[in-house]
Amino acid sequence: MTCTLRALLGATALSVVGGMAAAETLTIATVNNGDMIRMQGYTDDFTAKTGHEVEWVTLEENVLRQRVTTDISTKGGQFDIMTIGMYETPIWGKQGWLVPLDDLSAEYDTDDLLPAMAGGLSVDGTLYAAPFYGESSMVMYRKDLMEAAGMEMPEAPTWDDIKAAAEAMTDKDAEVYGICLRGKAGWGENMAFLTAMSNSFGARWFDEDWNPQFDGEAWKATLDFYLDLMNNYGPPGAANNGFNENLALFQQGKCGMWIDATVAASFVTNPDDSTVADSVGFALAPDTGKGPRGNWLWAWALGIPAGTQKEDAAKQFIEWATSKEYIEMVAEKEGWANVPPGARKSLYENPEYQKVPFAEMTLKSIETANPNQPTVDPVPYIGVQFAAIPEFAGFATQVGQEFSAALAGQQTSDEALAKAQDLVNEEMEAAGYK
């Protein structure tokens, strides 16, 4: 089927459904990253096909999570569609807070979603949010700096490889830092990175009886290695840096390496935005030889809060935004490197997308993350960079604040770990897990 025919069929399907309902104005909460901002620029295409208008509420990641969690748990009704992820979706779907997406059109082709993404956004086989894009994490590095240092990045590096490369590439007089990592506090910011990293060091949040494990050697090894890397080879003020701040640093040529979301690859290789676009290489997230690598699994997805009066229009938007036709529209206008990645099997079967330099590494990274068996030792929870229990977001953000304070030099790693152990233990006892 040609792209044009697919586009026509997609438009027809949306128009037919759209013709059955009055035009609505949808209020959509979303995150302020590049792919979501890009989607907002194509809103007119959705309106032209359906007649529905869209009002965007675009928020920083931590603020978005607070706003949508408060709104859906209190039945506030502020939003018709929420941008949520693999943490919220199974918890909220099980609680009946989300509209099941089990009646999407045949043209939408739900079976084309990557199994890792569909599985992470479903409860008992029912999809509760549709992935706009999916991601893992990987190493993005400056090939020119590695070559100048006489080094070669392995496809599957160890953490020792990363430390050696960071040391070799750091030139603080030139404001070039060997490694940029998340330091900003938040369960989805520094704790997403550090939890995935800890898996590769043999750490875990809880043992099988829900006892916190921050007093163990594996977490100490993780945090000490991270602080050593960042204090010696990271940029100044790193405790304030999240995804967007590190993206800007990398694009300005100030980072030798950045280990973060695979979705960033399209932005660091875009010559319109990145001063190092033609010098970026990719590798799997590091490991220590224990089994798991330090990569996560995530999808930014679109879900509909139960109780919205605009359910039909909201489903039309979700079908439009997460469809094959949307991907083809972005490819036609901005090139295949800029389409939302990691959600559909057909994208990785497309010969044109296979030419994109980070496509293969992105898919390998997604396929090596296992949310059902994320750690060396067994755990009672699901999730690579989080534990999928309702209480996690609250206490993980508190732990993130302690670790961020250690990175800022306000306390030692031992002090941060002791506080993490105590606060998580108290929260788990209060919640009845112990």
Protein backbone atom coordinates (compact mmCIF):
# COMPACT_ATOMS: atom_id res chain seq x y z
CA MET A 1 0.00 0.00 0.00
CA THR A 2 1.43 3.38 -0.91
CA CYS A 3 1.93 6.19 1.54
CA THR A 4 -0.64 8.30 -0.31
CA LEU A 5 -3.28 5.57 -0.21
CA ARG A 6 -2.65 5.00 3.49
CA ALA A 7 -2.98 8.69 4.15
CA LEU A 8 -6.27 8.84 2.25
CA LEU A 9 -7.64 5.82 4.10
CA GLY A 10 -6.57 7.31 7.43
CA ALA A 11 -8.17 10.62 6.63
CA THR A 12 -11.34 8.87 5.45
CA ALA A 13 -11.61 6.78 8.60
CA LEU A 14 -11.18 9.83 10.82
CA SER A 15 -13.62 11.90 8.78
CA VAL A 16 -16.33 9.23 8.86
CA VAL A 17 -16.14 8.96 12.63
CA GLY A 18 -15.78 12.72 12.91
CA GLY A 19 -18.93 13.22 10.89
CA MET A 20 -20.91 11.26 13.46
CA ALA A 21 -20.10 13.59 16.35
CA ALA A 22 -20.32 17.33 16.94
CA ALA A 23 -17.09 19.27 16.78
CA GLU A 24 -15.42 19.40 20.17
CA THR A 25 -12.54 21.28 21.77
CA LEU A 26 -10.16 18.83 23.43
CA THR A 27 -7.89 19.87 26.28
CA ILE A 28 -4.67 17.85 26.21
CA ALA A 29 -1.96 17.81 28.87
CA THR A 30 1.48 17.02 27.51
CA VAL A 31 5.18 17.20 28.24
CA ASN A 32 7.48 19.90 26.87
CA ASN A 33 9.84 17.68 24.88
CA GLY A 34 10.69 18.03 21.21
CA ASP A 35 8.44 15.30 19.80
CA MET A 36 5.40 16.60 21.63
CA ILE A 37 6.12 20.18 20.58
CA ARG A 38 6.47 18.94 17.01
CA MET A 39 3.07 17.20 17.24
CA GLN A 40 1.44 20.45 18.36
CA GLY A 41 2.64 22.03 15.12
CA TYR A 42 0.54 19.55 13.14
CA THR A 43 -2.69 20.15 15.10
CA ASP A 44 -4.25 21.85 12.07
CA ASP A 45 -4.06 18.55 10.18
CA PHE A 46 -6.17 16.86 12.86
CA THR A 47 -8.66 19.72 12.92
CA ALA A 48 -8.98 19.68 9.13
CA LYS A 49 -9.78 15.96 9.14
CA THR A 50 -12.22 15.93 12.08
CA GLY A 51 -13.41 19.44 12.85
CA HIS A 52 -12.23 19.13 16.45
CA GLU A 53 -10.06 21.85 17.98
CA VAL A 54 -7.27 21.28 20.50
CA GLU A 55 -6.15 23.34 23.48
CA TRP A 56 -2.68 22.31 24.66
CA VAL A 57 -1.43 22.43 28.24
CA THR A 58 2.32 21.92 27.90
CA LEU A 59 4.26 21.32 31.09
CA GLU A 60 7.72 20.42 32.38
CA GLU A 61 7.96 16.68 33.09
CA ASN A 62 7.77 16.79 36.90
CA VAL A 63 4.96 19.37 36.83
CA LEU A 64 2.99 17.36 34.26
CA ARG A 65 3.11 14.28 36.48
CA GLN A 66 1.89 16.22 39.50
CA ARG A 67 -0.93 17.93 37.56
CA VAL A 68 -2.35 14.86 35.81
CA THR A 69 -2.03 12.64 38.89
CA THR A 70 -3.92 15.17 41.01
CA ASP A 71 -6.54 15.70 38.32
CA ILE A 72 -7.32 12.05 37.66
CA SER A 73 -7.25 10.96 41.32
CA THR A 74 -9.66 13.75 42.31
CA LYS A 75 -11.80 13.41 39.16
CA GLY A 76 -11.00 17.05 38.42
CA GLY A 77 -11.94 16.74 34.75
CA GLN A 78 -9.45 19.37 33.52
CA PHE A 79 -8.16 17.21 30.66
CA ASP A 80 -9.72 15.07 27.91
CA ILE A 81 -6.38 13.43 27.06
CA MET A 82 -3.32 13.04 29.26
CA THR A 83 0.26 12.32 28.27
CA ILE A 84 1.30 9.52 30.62
CA GLY A 85 3.81 6.71 30.67
CA MET A 86 4.44 3.09 31.49
CA TYR A 87 4.39 3.79 35.22
CA GLU A 88 0.98 5.43 35.45
CA THR A 89 -0.89 3.46 32.79
CA PRO A 90 -1.08 -0.03 34.39
CA ILE A 91 -1.80 1.41 37.85
CA TRP A 92 -4.50 3.80 36.65
CA GLY A 93 -5.97 1.26 34.21
CA LYS A 94 -6.35 -1.30 37.00
CA GLN A 95 -8.09 1.32 39.16
CA GLY A 96 -10.60 2.13 36.41
CA TRP A 97 -9.31 5.68 35.97
CA LEU A 98 -8.66 5.33 32.21
CA VAL A 99 -10.91 4.56 29.23
CA PRO A 100 -9.96 1.20 27.64
CA LEU A 101 -8.67 1.57 24.08
CA ASP A 102 -10.09 -1.77 22.96
CA ASP A 103 -12.23 -0.46 20.11
CA LEU A 104 -9.76 1.44 17.94
CA SER A 105 -10.37 1.15 14.21
CA ALA A 106 -9.02 -1.64 12.00
CA GLU A 107 -7.05 0.97 10.02
CA TYR A 108 -5.21 1.92 13.22
CA ASP A 109 -3.71 -1.60 13.32
CA THR A 110 -3.13 -2.16 17.02
CA ASP A 111 -1.21 -5.36 16.21
CA ASP A 112 1.52 -3.18 14.65
CA LEU A 113 2.51 -1.75 18.06
CA LEU A 114 5.83 -3.11 19.34
CA PRO A 115 5.03 -5.85 21.90
CA ALA A 116 7.20 -4.21 24.60
CA MET A 117 5.21 -1.00 24.25
CA ALA A 118 1.75 -2.53 24.01
CA GLY A 119 2.51 -4.83 26.95
CA GLY A 120 3.72 -1.98 29.16
CA LEU A 121 0.59 0.07 28.46
CA SER A 122 -1.95 -2.73 29.00
CA VAL A 123 -3.68 -4.39 31.90
CA ASP A 124 -4.69 -8.04 31.41
CA GLY A 125 -4.28 -7.64 27.66
CA THR A 126 -6.37 -4.44 27.34
CA LEU A 127 -4.61 -1.33 26.02
CA TYR A 128 -5.20 1.75 28.21
CA ALA A 129 -2.88 4.26 26.51
CA ALA A 130 -1.48 4.43 22.97
CA PRO A 131 2.27 5.02 22.58
CA PHE A 132 3.15 8.26 20.81
CA TYR A 133 6.75 7.20 20.98
CA GLY A 134 8.68 4.54 22.81
CA GLU A 135 12.19 4.66 24.09
CA SER A 136 14.96 2.95 25.93
CA SER A 137 18.22 4.66 26.88
CA MET A 138 21.65 4.42 25.25
CA VAL A 139 25.04 6.07 25.00
CA MET A 140 25.28 9.04 22.65
CA TYR A 141 28.90 10.09 22.16
CA ARG A 142 31.15 12.41 20.17
CA LYS A 143 32.98 10.32 17.57
CA ASP A 144 35.40 13.17 16.87
CA LEU A 145 36.46 13.45 20.52
CA MET A 146 36.84 9.69 20.84
CA GLU A 147 39.01 9.63 17.71
CA ALA A 148 41.12 12.53 19.00
CA ALA A 149 41.65 10.57 22.23
CA GLY A 150 42.71 7.50 20.27
CA MET A 151 39.80 5.49 21.59
CA GLU A 152 36.95 3.49 20.08
CA MET A 153 33.57 3.08 21.72
CA PRO A 154 32.46 -0.58 21.94
CA GLU A 155 28.91 -1.33 20.75
CA ALA A 156 28.20 -2.72 24.23
CA PRO A 157 30.48 -0.81 26.67
CA THR A 158 31.03 -1.46 30.38
CA TRP A 159 30.84 1.28 32.99
CA ASP A 160 34.66 1.14 33.18
CA ASP A 161 34.77 1.87 29.43
CA ILE A 162 32.54 4.89 30.02
CA LYS A 163 34.73 6.20 32.84
CA ALA A 164 37.89 5.86 30.74
CA ALA A 165 36.25 7.65 27.81
CA ALA A 166 34.91 10.42 30.06
CA GLU A 167 38.37 11.05 31.47
CA ALA A 168 39.95 11.12 28.00
CA MET A 169 37.39 13.53 26.52
CA THR A 170 37.16 16.04 29.37
CA ASP A 171 38.72 19.42 28.66
CA LYS A 172 37.35 21.78 31.29
CA ASP A 173 39.34 24.76 29.97
CA ALA A 174 37.40 24.38 26.70
CA GLU A 175 34.14 23.73 28.61
CA VAL A 176 33.94 20.20 27.21
CA TYR A 177 32.86 17.63 29.80
CA GLY A 178 33.32 13.91 29.29
CA ILE A 179 29.92 12.84 30.61
CA CYS A 180 26.49 14.44 31.03
CA LEU A 181 23.90 12.61 33.14
CA ARG A 182 20.64 13.48 34.84
CA GLY A 183 21.02 15.13 38.24
CA LYS A 184 17.72 16.97 38.65
CA ALA A 185 15.62 15.38 41.40
CA GLY A 186 12.50 13.47 40.38
CA TRP A 187 11.37 9.89 40.08
CA GLY A 188 11.29 10.34 36.30
CA GLU A 189 14.50 12.40 36.20
CA ASN A 190 17.60 11.40 38.18
CA MET A 191 15.89 8.34 39.67
CA ALA A 192 14.95 6.96 36.24
CA PHE A 193 18.63 7.07 35.29
CA LEU A 194 20.00 5.88 38.64
CA THR A 195 17.49 3.04 39.02
CA ALA A 196 18.35 1.71 35.55
CA MET A 197 22.05 2.14 36.33
CA SER A 198 21.66 0.36 39.68
CA ASN A 199 20.12 -2.67 37.95
CA SER A 200 23.40 -3.14 36.10
CA PHE A 201 25.35 -2.95 39.39
CA GLY A 202 23.20 -5.70 40.94
CA ALA A 203 21.07 -3.37 43.07
CA ARG A 204 17.28 -3.35 43.49
CA TRP A 205 14.71 -1.17 45.27
CA PHE A 206 13.25 -4.02 47.36
CA ASP A 207 13.87 -7.64 48.19
CA GLU A 208 11.03 -10.10 47.75
CA ASP A 209 9.53 -9.10 51.12
CA TRP A 210 9.41 -5.38 50.19
CA ASN A 211 12.40 -4.48 52.38
CA PRO A 212 14.29 -1.44 50.96
CA GLN A 213 17.84 -2.23 49.84
CA PHE A 214 19.64 1.12 50.04
CA ASP A 215 21.79 -0.15 52.92
CA GLY A 216 23.39 -2.78 50.66
CA GLU A 217 26.73 -2.72 48.85
CA ALA A 218 25.18 -2.66 45.36
CA TRP A 219 23.44 0.71 45.86
CA LYS A 220 26.59 2.17 47.46
CA ALA A 221 28.65 1.02 44.48
CA THR A 222 26.10 2.57 42.11
CA LEU A 223 25.91 5.96 43.82
CA ASP A 224 29.65 6.22 44.45
CA PHE A 225 30.45 5.43 40.80
CA TYR A 226 27.87 7.99 39.59
CA LEU A 227 29.15 10.73 41.91
CA ASP A 228 32.77 10.03 40.95
CA LEU A 229 31.93 10.28 37.24
CA MET A 230 29.95 13.49 37.58
CA ASN A 231 32.25 15.23 40.06
CA ASN A 232 35.34 14.59 37.95
CA TYR A 233 34.06 14.68 34.38
CA GLY A 234 30.56 16.23 34.47
CA PRO A 235 29.46 19.82 33.83
CA PRO A 236 29.10 22.37 36.64
CA GLY A 237 25.65 22.60 38.21
CA ALA A 238 24.78 19.04 37.14
CA ALA A 239 22.38 18.61 40.08
CA ASN A 240 19.99 20.91 38.21
CA ASN A 241 20.21 19.12 34.87
CA GLY A 242 17.44 16.90 33.51
CA PHE A 243 16.70 15.69 29.98
CA ASN A 244 16.20 19.10 28.38
CA GLU A 245 19.21 20.73 30.05
CA ASN A 246 21.56 17.91 29.00
CA LEU A 247 20.12 17.92 25.49
CA ALA A 248 21.03 21.60 25.18
CA LEU A 249 24.56 20.96 26.51
CA PHE A 250 25.15 18.08 24.09
CA GLN A 251 23.83 20.06 21.13
CA GLN A 252 26.21 22.92 22.07
CA GLY A 253 29.18 20.54 21.97
CA LYS A 254 29.80 20.58 25.73
CA CYS A 255 29.32 16.83 26.40
CA GLY A 256 31.60 14.02 25.25
CA MET A 257 28.93 11.46 26.17
CA TRP A 258 25.32 11.58 27.22
CA ILE A 259 23.48 8.48 28.44
CA ASP A 260 19.79 9.15 28.14
CA ALA A 261 16.60 8.49 26.18
CA THR A 262 16.98 7.00 22.72
CA VAL A 263 14.43 9.52 21.48
CA ALA A 264 17.08 12.23 21.89
CA ALA A 265 19.01 10.79 18.95
CA SER A 266 16.90 12.65 16.40
CA PHE A 267 17.60 15.97 18.12
CA VAL A 268 21.37 15.59 18.57
CA THR A 269 21.73 14.58 14.90
CA ASN A 270 19.54 17.37 13.51
CA PRO A 271 21.87 19.98 11.98
CA ASP A 272 19.25 22.68 12.49
CA ASP A 273 19.55 22.28 16.26
CA SER A 274 22.87 20.56 16.98
CA THR A 275 26.40 21.90 16.43
CA VAL A 276 27.73 18.31 16.56
CA ALA A 277 25.09 16.67 14.36
CA ASP A 278 27.57 14.94 12.06
CA SER A 279 29.81 13.63 14.87
CA VAL A 280 27.42 11.57 17.00
CA GLY A 281 27.82 7.84 17.58
CA PHE A 282 25.58 5.43 19.48
CA ALA A 283 26.16 2.44 21.77
CA LEU A 284 24.16 0.28 24.14
CA ALA A 285 23.83 1.48 27.73
CA PRO A 286 26.75 0.21 29.89
CA ASP A 287 26.85 -2.86 32.12
CA THR A 288 29.13 -4.43 34.70
CA GLY A 289 28.92 -7.98 33.37
CA LYS A 290 26.23 -9.00 35.87
CA GLY A 291 23.46 -9.36 33.27
CA PRO A 292 21.19 -6.28 33.08
CA ARG A 293 22.42 -3.23 31.20
CA GLY A 294 21.78 0.26 32.50
CA ASN A 295 18.97 1.03 30.08
CA TRP A 296 15.32 1.68 30.76
CA LEU A 297 12.04 1.13 28.92
CA TRP A 298 9.48 3.89 28.56
CA ALA A 299 6.71 5.19 26.36
CA TRP A 300 5.15 8.60 26.37
CA ALA A 301 1.58 7.67 25.59
CA LEU A 302 -1.86 9.20 25.28
CA GLY A 303 -4.65 8.08 27.62
CA ILE A 304 -8.23 9.23 28.20
CA PRO A 305 -9.37 9.85 31.78
CA ALA A 306 -12.60 8.04 32.62
CA GLY A 307 -15.50 10.46 32.92
CA THR A 308 -14.58 12.78 30.05
CA GLN A 309 -17.61 13.90 28.05
CA LYS A 310 -15.54 13.91 24.84
CA GLU A 311 -14.47 10.27 24.66
CA ASP A 312 -15.21 9.78 20.93
CA ALA A 313 -13.29 12.89 19.89
CA ALA A 314 -10.44 11.96 22.23
CA LYS A 315 -10.14 8.52 20.60
CA GLN A 316 -10.06 10.17 17.18
CA PHE A 317 -7.15 12.33 18.31
CA ILE A 318 -5.26 9.36 19.71
CA GLU A 319 -5.75 7.42 16.47
CA TRP A 320 -4.48 10.40 14.49
CA ALA A 321 -1.45 11.16 16.68
CA THR A 322 -0.21 7.58 17.06
CA SER A 323 -1.01 6.31 13.57
CA LYS A 324 1.21 5.11 10.74
CA GLU A 325 -0.13 8.06 8.74
CA TYR A 326 1.14 10.58 11.30
CA ILE A 327 4.62 9.02 11.09
CA GLU A 328 4.52 9.22 7.30
CA MET A 329 3.38 12.85 7.42
CA VAL A 330 6.32 13.83 9.66
CA ALA A 331 8.72 11.85 7.46
CA GLU A 332 7.48 13.63 4.36
CA LYS A 333 7.80 17.09 5.89
CA GLU A 334 10.85 16.70 8.17
CA GLY A 335 12.64 13.50 7.17
CA TRP A 336 12.63 9.96 8.57
CA ALA A 337 15.12 10.80 11.34
CA ASN A 338 12.52 13.08 12.93
CA VAL A 339 9.53 10.73 13.17
CA PRO A 340 8.40 9.54 16.62
CA PRO A 341 10.33 6.28 17.18
CA GLY A 342 9.92 3.12 19.19
CA ALA A 343 6.19 2.50 18.92
CA ARG A 344 5.43 0.56 15.72
CA LYS A 345 6.93 -2.57 14.16
CA SER A 346 6.30 -1.27 10.65
CA LEU A 347 8.65 1.67 11.23
CA TYR A 348 11.62 -0.64 11.79
CA GLU A 349 10.66 -2.72 8.73
CA ASN A 350 10.70 0.39 6.54
CA PRO A 351 13.85 0.46 4.34
CA GLU A 352 13.95 4.25 4.48
CA TYR A 353 13.93 4.30 8.29
CA GLN A 354 16.57 1.55 8.41
CA LYS A 355 18.97 4.10 6.86
CA VAL A 356 18.63 6.37 9.93
CA PRO A 357 21.92 6.01 11.88
CA PHE A 358 20.34 5.40 15.30
CA ALA A 359 17.39 3.22 14.24
CA GLU A 360 19.09 -0.15 14.82
CA MET A 361 20.62 0.84 18.20
CA THR A 362 17.27 2.20 19.38
CA LEU A 363 15.49 -1.06 18.59
CA LYS A 364 18.27 -3.14 20.20
CA SER A 365 18.06 -1.02 23.33
CA ILE A 366 14.28 -1.39 23.55
CA GLU A 367 14.52 -5.15 23.05
CA THR A 368 17.17 -5.61 25.77
CA ALA A 369 15.10 -3.92 28.53
CA ASN A 370 12.97 -6.39 30.48
CA PRO A 371 10.44 -4.80 32.88
CA ASN A 372 9.38 -8.23 34.17
CA GLN A 373 12.91 -9.25 35.21
CA PRO A 374 14.84 -5.98 35.56
CA THR A 375 17.41 -6.91 38.23
CA VAL A 376 20.05 -9.52 39.01
CA ASP A 377 18.20 -10.76 42.10
CA PRO A 378 14.42 -11.32 42.11
CA VAL A 379 12.07 -8.46 42.97
CA PRO A 380 8.35 -8.28 43.78
CA TYR A 381 7.67 -5.45 41.31
CA ILE A 382 7.46 -4.79 37.57
CA GLY A 383 9.40 -1.95 35.96
CA VAL A 384 12.96 -1.28 34.84
CA GLN A 385 13.49 2.28 36.12
CA PHE A 386 10.58 2.27 38.57
CA ALA A 387 8.57 -0.09 40.75
CA ALA A 388 5.01 -0.12 39.47
CA ILE A 389 3.23 0.54 42.76
CA PRO A 390 1.17 3.68 43.50
CA GLU A 391 3.44 4.85 46.31
CA PHE A 392 6.63 4.81 44.20
CA ALA A 393 6.35 8.27 42.62
CA GLY A 394 6.17 9.97 46.01
CA PHE A 395 9.03 8.30 47.84
CA ALA A 396 11.23 7.95 44.74
CA THR A 397 11.09 11.72 44.29
CA GLN A 398 12.21 12.11 47.92
CA VAL A 399 15.07 9.68 47.33
CA GLY A 400 15.93 11.65 44.19
CA GLN A 401 16.18 14.81 46.25
CA GLU A 402 18.66 13.12 48.62
CA PHE A 403 20.81 11.84 45.73
CA SER A 404 20.66 15.21 43.98
CA ALA A 405 21.83 16.87 47.21
CA ALA A 406 24.77 14.45 47.29
CA LEU A 407 25.66 15.43 43.72
CA ALA A 408 25.48 19.10 44.73
CA GLY A 409 27.99 18.38 47.52
CA GLN A 410 25.51 19.05 50.29
CA GLN A 411 25.90 15.60 51.86
CA THR A 412 27.89 12.38 51.41
CA SER A 413 26.70 9.32 49.55
CA ASP A 414 26.50 7.42 52.85
CA GLU A 415 24.25 10.11 54.31
CA ALA A 416 22.02 10.11 51.22
CA LEU A 417 21.71 6.32 51.21
CA ALA A 418 20.90 6.19 54.93
CA LYS A 419 18.16 8.78 54.49
CA ALA A 420 16.79 6.89 51.48
CA GLN A 421 16.68 3.65 53.45
CA ASP A 422 14.83 5.27 56.36
CA LEU A 423 12.29 7.23 54.35
CA VAL A 424 11.38 4.35 52.03
CA ASN A 425 11.12 1.98 54.99
CA GLU A 426 8.72 4.37 56.73
CA GLU A 427 6.61 4.82 53.59
CA MET A 428 6.33 1.08 52.99
CA GLU A 429 5.33 0.42 56.59
CA ALA A 430 2.71 3.19 56.44
CA ALA A 431 1.34 1.78 53.19
CA GLY A 432 0.98 -1.69 54.70
CA TYR A 433 3.55 -3.55 52.62
CA LYS A 434 5.38 -4.69 55.78
